[in-house]
């Protein structure tokens, strides 16, 4: 059973019992990704590291090693 099947079962059950419908799968994904990104930026600032560009710098070091 995947998330969509579970969602359909939950909406059917909620409709039968008169309960509020559950949110659709993926409804809050963007908000979660933003919260994770903001938390990681905050932790980097508190640790005294640059808040942005860490992934790009790591990829640059990995793809273009010193010669």
PDB file of N, CA and C in Angstrom:
ATOM      1  N   UNK A   1       0.861  -1.164   0.000  1.00  0.00           N
ATOM      2  CA  UNK A   1       0.000   0.000   0.000  1.00  0.00           C
ATOM      3  C   UNK A   1       0.910   1.230   0.000  1.00  0.00           C
ATOM      4  N   UNK A   2       0.606   2.169  -0.859  1.00  0.00           N
ATOM      5  CA  UNK A   2       1.398   3.394  -0.893  1.00  0.00           C
ATOM      6  C   UNK A   2       0.647   4.528  -0.195  1.00  0.00           C
ATOM      7  N   UNK A   3       1.239   5.706  -0.208  1.00  0.00           N
ATOM      8  CA  UNK A   3       0.661   6.849   0.511  1.00  0.00           C
ATOM      9  C   UNK A   3      -0.700   7.244  -0.057  1.00  0.00           C
ATOM     10  N   UNK A   4      -0.862   7.123  -1.367  1.00  0.00           N
ATOM     11  CA  UNK A   4      -2.138   7.497  -1.978  1.00  0.00           C
ATOM     12  C   UNK A   4      -3.255   6.552  -1.533  1.00  0.00           C
ATOM     13  N   UNK A   5      -2.968   5.255  -1.500  1.00  0.00           N
ATOM     14  CA  UNK A   5      -3.979   4.298  -1.040  1.00  0.00           C
ATOM     15  C   UNK A   5      -4.370   4.571   0.410  1.00  0.00           C
ATOM     16  N   UNK A   6      -3.372   4.820   1.249  1.00  0.00           N
ATOM     17  CA  UNK A   6      -3.662   5.109   2.651  1.00  0.00           C
ATOM     18  C   UNK A   6      -4.500   6.371   2.777  1.00  0.00           C
ATOM     19  N   UNK A   7      -4.186   7.377   1.966  1.00  0.00           N
ATOM     20  CA  UNK A   7      -4.954   8.625   1.979  1.00  0.00           C
ATOM     21  C   UNK A   7      -6.409   8.365   1.585  1.00  0.00           C
ATOM     22  N   UNK A   8      -6.621   7.542   0.564  1.00  0.00           N
ATOM     23  CA  UNK A   8      -7.989   7.235   0.138  1.00  0.00           C
ATOM     24  C   UNK A   8      -8.760   6.498   1.236  1.00  0.00           C
ATOM     25  N   UNK A   9      -8.102   5.546   1.894  1.00  0.00           N
ATOM     26  CA  UNK A   9      -8.754   4.858   3.018  1.00  0.00           C
ATOM     27  C   UNK A   9      -9.100   5.841   4.133  1.00  0.00           C
ATOM     28  N   UNK A  10      -8.162   6.735   4.442  1.00  0.00           N
ATOM     29  CA  UNK A  10      -8.388   7.697   5.526  1.00  0.00           C
ATOM     30  C   UNK A  10      -9.503   8.681   5.189  1.00  0.00           C
ATOM     31  N   UNK A  11      -9.588   9.125   3.933  1.00  0.00           N
ATOM     32  CA  UNK A  11     -10.659  10.057   3.565  1.00  0.00           C
ATOM     33  C   UNK A  11     -12.015   9.354   3.609  1.00  0.00           C
ATOM     34  N   UNK A  12     -12.058   8.099   3.178  1.00  0.00           N
ATOM     35  CA  UNK A  12     -13.308   7.340   3.229  1.00  0.00           C
ATOM     36  C   UNK A  12     -13.754   7.172   4.683  1.00  0.00           C
ATOM     37  N   UNK A  13     -12.820   6.787   5.554  1.00  0.00           N
ATOM     38  CA  UNK A  13     -13.135   6.609   6.974  1.00  0.00           C
ATOM     39  C   UNK A  13     -13.597   7.924   7.593  1.00  0.00           C
ATOM     40  N   UNK A  14     -12.913   9.028   7.255  1.00  0.00           N
ATOM     41  CA  UNK A  14     -13.284  10.329   7.809  1.00  0.00           C
ATOM     42  C   UNK A  14     -14.677  10.735   7.337  1.00  0.00           C
ATOM     43  N   UNK A  15     -14.998  10.457   6.081  1.00  0.00           N
ATOM     44  CA  UNK A  15     -16.324  10.804   5.559  1.00  0.00           C
ATOM     45  C   UNK A  15     -17.409   9.985   6.259  1.00  0.00           C
ATOM     46  N   UNK A  16     -17.139   8.699   6.502  1.00  0.00           N
ATOM     47  CA  UNK A  16     -18.122   7.852   7.181  1.00  0.00           C
ATOM     48  C   UNK A  16     -18.361   8.278   8.615  1.00  0.00           C
ATOM     49  N   UNK A  17     -17.282   8.680   9.299  1.00  0.00           N
ATOM     50  CA  UNK A  17     -17.388   9.013  10.717  1.00  0.00           C
ATOM     51  C   UNK A  17     -17.658  10.491  10.968  1.00  0.00           C
ATOM     52  N   UNK A  18     -17.706  11.282   9.915  1.00  0.00           N
ATOM     53  CA  UNK A  18     -17.965  12.706  10.073  1.00  0.00           C
ATOM     54  C   UNK A  18     -16.785  13.473  10.651  1.00  0.00           C
ATOM     55  N   UNK A  19     -15.588  12.967  10.466  1.00  0.00           N
ATOM     56  CA  UNK A  19     -14.379  13.626  10.960  1.00  0.00           C
ATOM     57  C   UNK A  19     -13.791  14.513   9.863  1.00  0.00           C
ATOM     58  N   UNK A  20     -12.905  15.429  10.221  1.00  0.00           N
ATOM     59  CA  UNK A  20     -12.274  16.257   9.191  1.00  0.00           C
ATOM     60  C   UNK A  20     -11.366  15.419   8.292  1.00  0.00           C
ATOM     61  N   UNK A  21     -11.283  15.811   7.042  1.00  0.00           N
ATOM     62  CA  UNK A  21     -10.465  15.082   6.070  1.00  0.00           C
ATOM     63  C   UNK A  21      -8.981  15.293   6.366  1.00  0.00           C
ATOM     64  N   UNK A  22      -8.174  14.268   6.178  1.00  0.00           N
ATOM     65  CA  UNK A  22      -6.730  14.426   6.376  1.00  0.00           C
ATOM     66  C   UNK A  22      -6.130  15.203   5.202  1.00  0.00           C
ATOM     67  N   UNK A  23      -4.984  15.847   5.404  1.00  0.00           N
ATOM     68  CA  UNK A  23      -4.357  16.558   4.293  1.00  0.00           C
ATOM     69  C   UNK A  23      -3.856  15.563   3.245  1.00  0.00           C
ATOM     70  N   UNK A  24      -3.869  15.981   2.007  1.00  0.00           N
ATOM     71  CA  UNK A  24      -3.394  15.124   0.922  1.00  0.00           C
ATOM     72  C   UNK A  24      -1.893  14.897   1.059  1.00  0.00           C
ATOM     73  N   UNK A  25      -1.400  13.756   0.574  1.00  0.00           N
ATOM     74  CA  UNK A  25       0.039  13.503   0.644  1.00  0.00           C
ATOM     75  C   UNK A  25       0.802  14.580  -0.125  1.00  0.00           C
ATOM     76  N   UNK A  26       1.853  15.082   0.481  1.00  0.00           N
ATOM     77  CA  UNK A  26       2.678  16.094  -0.174  1.00  0.00           C
ATOM     78  C   UNK A  26       2.214  17.516   0.028  1.00  0.00           C
ATOM     79  N   UNK A  27       1.153  17.723   0.803  1.00  0.00           N
ATOM     80  CA  UNK A  27       0.609  19.065   0.990  1.00  0.00           C
ATOM     81  C   UNK A  27       1.615  19.990   1.657  1.00  0.00           C
ATOM     82  N   UNK A  28       2.339  19.488   2.633  1.00  0.00           N
ATOM     83  CA  UNK A  28       3.233  20.335   3.419  1.00  0.00           C
ATOM     84  C   UNK A  28       4.710  20.122   3.075  1.00  0.00           C
ATOM     85  N   UNK A  29       5.003  19.480   1.953  1.00  0.00           N
ATOM     86  CA  UNK A  29       6.392  19.176   1.610  1.00  0.00           C
ATOM     87  C   UNK A  29       7.242  20.430   1.453  1.00  0.00           C
ATOM     88  N   UNK A  30       6.733  21.426   0.753  1.00  0.00           N
ATOM     89  CA  UNK A  30       7.512  22.641   0.512  1.00  0.00           C
ATOM     90  C   UNK A  30       7.817  23.340   1.830  1.00  0.00           C
ATOM     91  N   UNK A  31       6.846  23.403   2.713  1.00  0.00           N
ATOM     92  CA  UNK A  31       7.065  24.044   4.011  1.00  0.00           C
ATOM     93  C   UNK A  31       8.118  23.289   4.825  1.00  0.00           C
ATOM     94  N   UNK A  32       8.109  21.975   4.746  1.00  0.00           N
ATOM     95  CA  UNK A  32       9.098  21.179   5.478  1.00  0.00           C
ATOM     96  C   UNK A  32      10.492  21.428   4.917  1.00  0.00           C
ATOM     97  N   UNK A  33      10.628  21.444   3.585  1.00  0.00           N
ATOM     98  CA  UNK A  33      11.940  21.699   2.982  1.00  0.00           C
ATOM     99  C   UNK A  33      12.458  23.086   3.345  1.00  0.00           C
ATOM    100  N   UNK A  34      11.576  24.068   3.354  1.00  0.00           N
ATOM    101  CA  UNK A  34      11.998  25.422   3.738  1.00  0.00           C
ATOM    102  C   UNK A  34      12.431  25.473   5.195  1.00  0.00           C
ATOM    103  N   UNK A  35      11.698  24.794   6.056  1.00  0.00           N
ATOM    104  CA  UNK A  35      12.058  24.786   7.476  1.00  0.00           C
ATOM    105  C   UNK A  35      13.412  24.112   7.694  1.00  0.00           C
ATOM    106  N   UNK A  36      13.664  23.018   6.990  1.00  0.00           N
ATOM    107  CA  UNK A  36      14.958  22.335   7.111  1.00  0.00           C
ATOM    108  C   UNK A  36      16.071  23.241   6.611  1.00  0.00           C
ATOM    109  N   UNK A  37      15.859  23.885   5.475  1.00  0.00           N
ATOM    110  CA  UNK A  37      16.863  24.801   4.926  1.00  0.00           C
ATOM    111  C   UNK A  37      17.148  25.945   5.893  1.00  0.00           C
ATOM    112  N   UNK A  38      16.104  26.541   6.449  1.00  0.00           N
ATOM    113  CA  UNK A  38      16.293  27.648   7.384  1.00  0.00           C
ATOM    114  C   UNK A  38      17.019  27.193   8.646  1.00  0.00           C
ATOM    115  N   UNK A  39      16.695  26.013   9.130  1.00  0.00           N
ATOM    116  CA  UNK A  39      17.358  25.494  10.330  1.00  0.00           C
ATOM    117  C   UNK A  39      18.845  25.271  10.073  1.00  0.00           C
ATOM    118  N   UNK A  40      19.175  24.695   8.906  1.00  0.00           N
ATOM    119  CA  UNK A  40      20.580  24.456   8.573  1.00  0.00           C
ATOM    120  C   UNK A  40      21.332  25.771   8.438  1.00  0.00           C
ATOM    121  N   UNK A  41      20.711  26.774   7.838  1.00  0.00           N
ATOM    122  CA  UNK A  41      21.354  28.087   7.726  1.00  0.00           C
ATOM    123  C   UNK A  41      21.593  28.680   9.105  1.00  0.00           C
ATOM    124  N   UNK A  42      20.600  28.590   9.972  1.00  0.00           N
ATOM    125  CA  UNK A  42      20.727  29.115  11.328  1.00  0.00           C
ATOM    126  C   UNK A  42      21.876  28.435  12.066  1.00  0.00           C
ATOM    127  N   UNK A  43      21.946  27.111  11.974  1.00  0.00           N
ATOM    128  CA  UNK A  43      23.008  26.386  12.666  1.00  0.00           C
ATOM    129  C   UNK A  43      24.382  26.759  12.136  1.00  0.00           C
ATOM    130  N   UNK A  44      24.493  27.010  10.830  1.00  0.00           N
ATOM    131  CA  UNK A  44      25.775  27.422  10.256  1.00  0.00           C
ATOM    132  C   UNK A  44      26.177  28.798  10.764  1.00  0.00           C
ATOM    133  N   UNK A  45      25.235  29.713  10.864  1.00  0.00           N
ATOM    134  CA  UNK A  45      25.547  31.058  11.360  1.00  0.00           C
ATOM    135  C   UNK A  45      25.984  30.995  12.819  1.00  0.00           C
ATOM    136  N   UNK A  46      25.280  30.226  13.624  1.00  0.00           N
ATOM    137  CA  UNK A  46      25.628  30.101  15.040  1.00  0.00           C
ATOM    138  C   UNK A  46      27.023  29.492  15.197  1.00  0.00           C
ATOM    139  N   UNK A  47      27.385  28.568  14.305  1.00  0.00           N
ATOM    140  CA  UNK A  47      28.700  27.925  14.371  1.00  0.00           C
ATOM    141  C   UNK A  47      29.804  28.802  13.780  1.00  0.00           C
ATOM    142  N   UNK A  48      29.447  29.947  13.205  1.00  0.00           N
ATOM    143  CA  UNK A  48      30.453  30.852  12.657  1.00  0.00           C
ATOM    144  C   UNK A  48      30.875  30.524  11.240  1.00  0.00           C
ATOM    145  N   UNK A  49      30.068  29.759  10.529  1.00  0.00           N
ATOM    146  CA  UNK A  49      30.379  29.418   9.139  1.00  0.00           C
ATOM    147  C   UNK A  49      29.463  30.215   8.221  1.00  0.00           C
ATOM    148  N   UNK A  50      29.834  30.335   6.937  1.00  0.00           N
ATOM    149  CA  UNK A  50      28.951  31.050   6.006  1.00  0.00           C
ATOM    150  C   UNK A  50      27.587  30.363   5.913  1.00  0.00           C
ATOM    151  N   UNK A  51      26.539  31.154   5.847  1.00  0.00           N
ATOM    152  CA  UNK A  51      25.189  30.594   5.832  1.00  0.00           C
ATOM    153  C   UNK A  51      24.819  30.026   4.475  1.00  0.00           C
ATOM    154  N   UNK A  52      25.442  30.510   3.414  1.00  0.00           N
ATOM    155  CA  UNK A  52      25.063  30.066   2.074  1.00  0.00           C
ATOM    156  C   UNK A  52      26.286  29.575   1.321  1.00  0.00           C
ATOM    157  N   UNK A  53      26.038  28.726   0.348  1.00  0.00           N
ATOM    158  CA  UNK A  53      27.088  28.304  -0.566  1.00  0.00           C
ATOM    159  C   UNK A  53      27.875  27.084  -0.144  1.00  0.00           C
ATOM    160  N   UNK A  54      27.485  26.406   0.911  1.00  0.00           N
ATOM    161  CA  UNK A  54      28.251  25.253   1.382  1.00  0.00           C
ATOM    162  C   UNK A  54      28.196  24.101   0.383  1.00  0.00           C
ATOM    163  N   UNK A  55      27.035  23.835  -0.154  1.00  0.00           N
ATOM    164  CA  UNK A  55      26.895  22.722  -1.105  1.00  0.00           C
ATOM    165  C   UNK A  55      27.643  23.041  -2.388  1.00  0.00           C
ATOM    166  N   UNK A  56      27.493  24.257  -2.865  1.00  0.00           N
ATOM    167  CA  UNK A  56      28.183  24.653  -4.096  1.00  0.00           C
ATOM    168  C   UNK A  56      29.699  24.585  -3.917  1.00  0.00           C
ATOM    169  N   UNK A  57      30.198  25.056  -2.783  1.00  0.00           N
ATOM    170  CA  UNK A  57      31.639  25.008  -2.530  1.00  0.00           C
ATOM    171  C   UNK A  57      32.135  23.566  -2.451  1.00  0.00           C
ATOM    172  N   UNK A  58      31.377  22.700  -1.814  1.00  0.00           N
ATOM    173  CA  UNK A  58      31.775  21.295  -1.715  1.00  0.00           C
ATOM    174  C   UNK A  58      31.787  20.637  -3.086  1.00  0.00           C
ATOM    175  N   UNK A  59      30.782  20.913  -3.895  1.00  0.00           N
ATOM    176  CA  UNK A  59      30.758  20.360  -5.251  1.00  0.00           C
ATOM    177  C   UNK A  59      31.919  20.893  -6.073  1.00  0.00           C
ATOM    178  N   UNK A  60      32.228  22.165  -5.913  1.00  0.00           N
ATOM    179  CA  UNK A  60      33.337  22.761  -6.649  1.00  0.00           C
ATOM    180  C   UNK A  60      34.658  22.092  -6.255  1.00  0.00           C
ATOM    181  N   UNK A  61      34.856  21.864  -4.958  1.00  0.00           N
ATOM    182  CA  UNK A  61      36.075  21.187  -4.504  1.00  0.00           C
ATOM    183  C   UNK A  61      36.133  19.760  -5.028  1.00  0.00           C
ATOM    184  N   UNK A  62      35.013  19.102  -5.075  1.00  0.00           N
ATOM    185  CA  UNK A  62      34.980  17.704  -5.503  1.00  0.00           C
ATOM    186  C   UNK A  62      35.170  17.569  -7.012  1.00  0.00           C
ATOM    187  N   UNK A  63      34.522  18.454  -7.779  1.00  0.00           N
ATOM    188  CA  UNK A  63      34.584  18.351  -9.235  1.00  0.00           C
ATOM    189  C   UNK A  63      35.858  18.948  -9.818  1.00  0.00           C
ATOM    190  N   UNK A  64      36.466  19.899  -9.133  1.00  0.00           N
ATOM    191  CA  UNK A  64      37.684  20.538  -9.627  1.00  0.00           C
ATOM    192  C   UNK A  64      38.778  20.455  -8.563  1.00  0.00           C
ATOM    193  N   UNK A  65      39.356  19.268  -8.415  1.00  0.00           N
ATOM    194  CA  UNK A  65      40.403  19.126  -7.394  1.00  0.00           C
ATOM    195  C   UNK A  65      41.639  19.954  -7.761  1.00  0.00           C
ATOM    196  N   UNK A  66      42.422  20.309  -6.750  1.00  0.00           N
ATOM    197  CA  UNK A  66      43.648  21.091  -6.978  1.00  0.00           C
ATOM    198  C   UNK A  66      44.606  20.271  -7.826  1.00  0.00           C
ATOM    199  N   UNK A  67      45.256  20.940  -8.727  1.00  0.00           N
ATOM    200  CA  UNK A  67      46.185  20.217  -9.625  1.00  0.00           C
ATOM    201  C   UNK A  67      47.602  20.379  -9.171  1.00  0.00           C
TER     202      UNK A  67
END
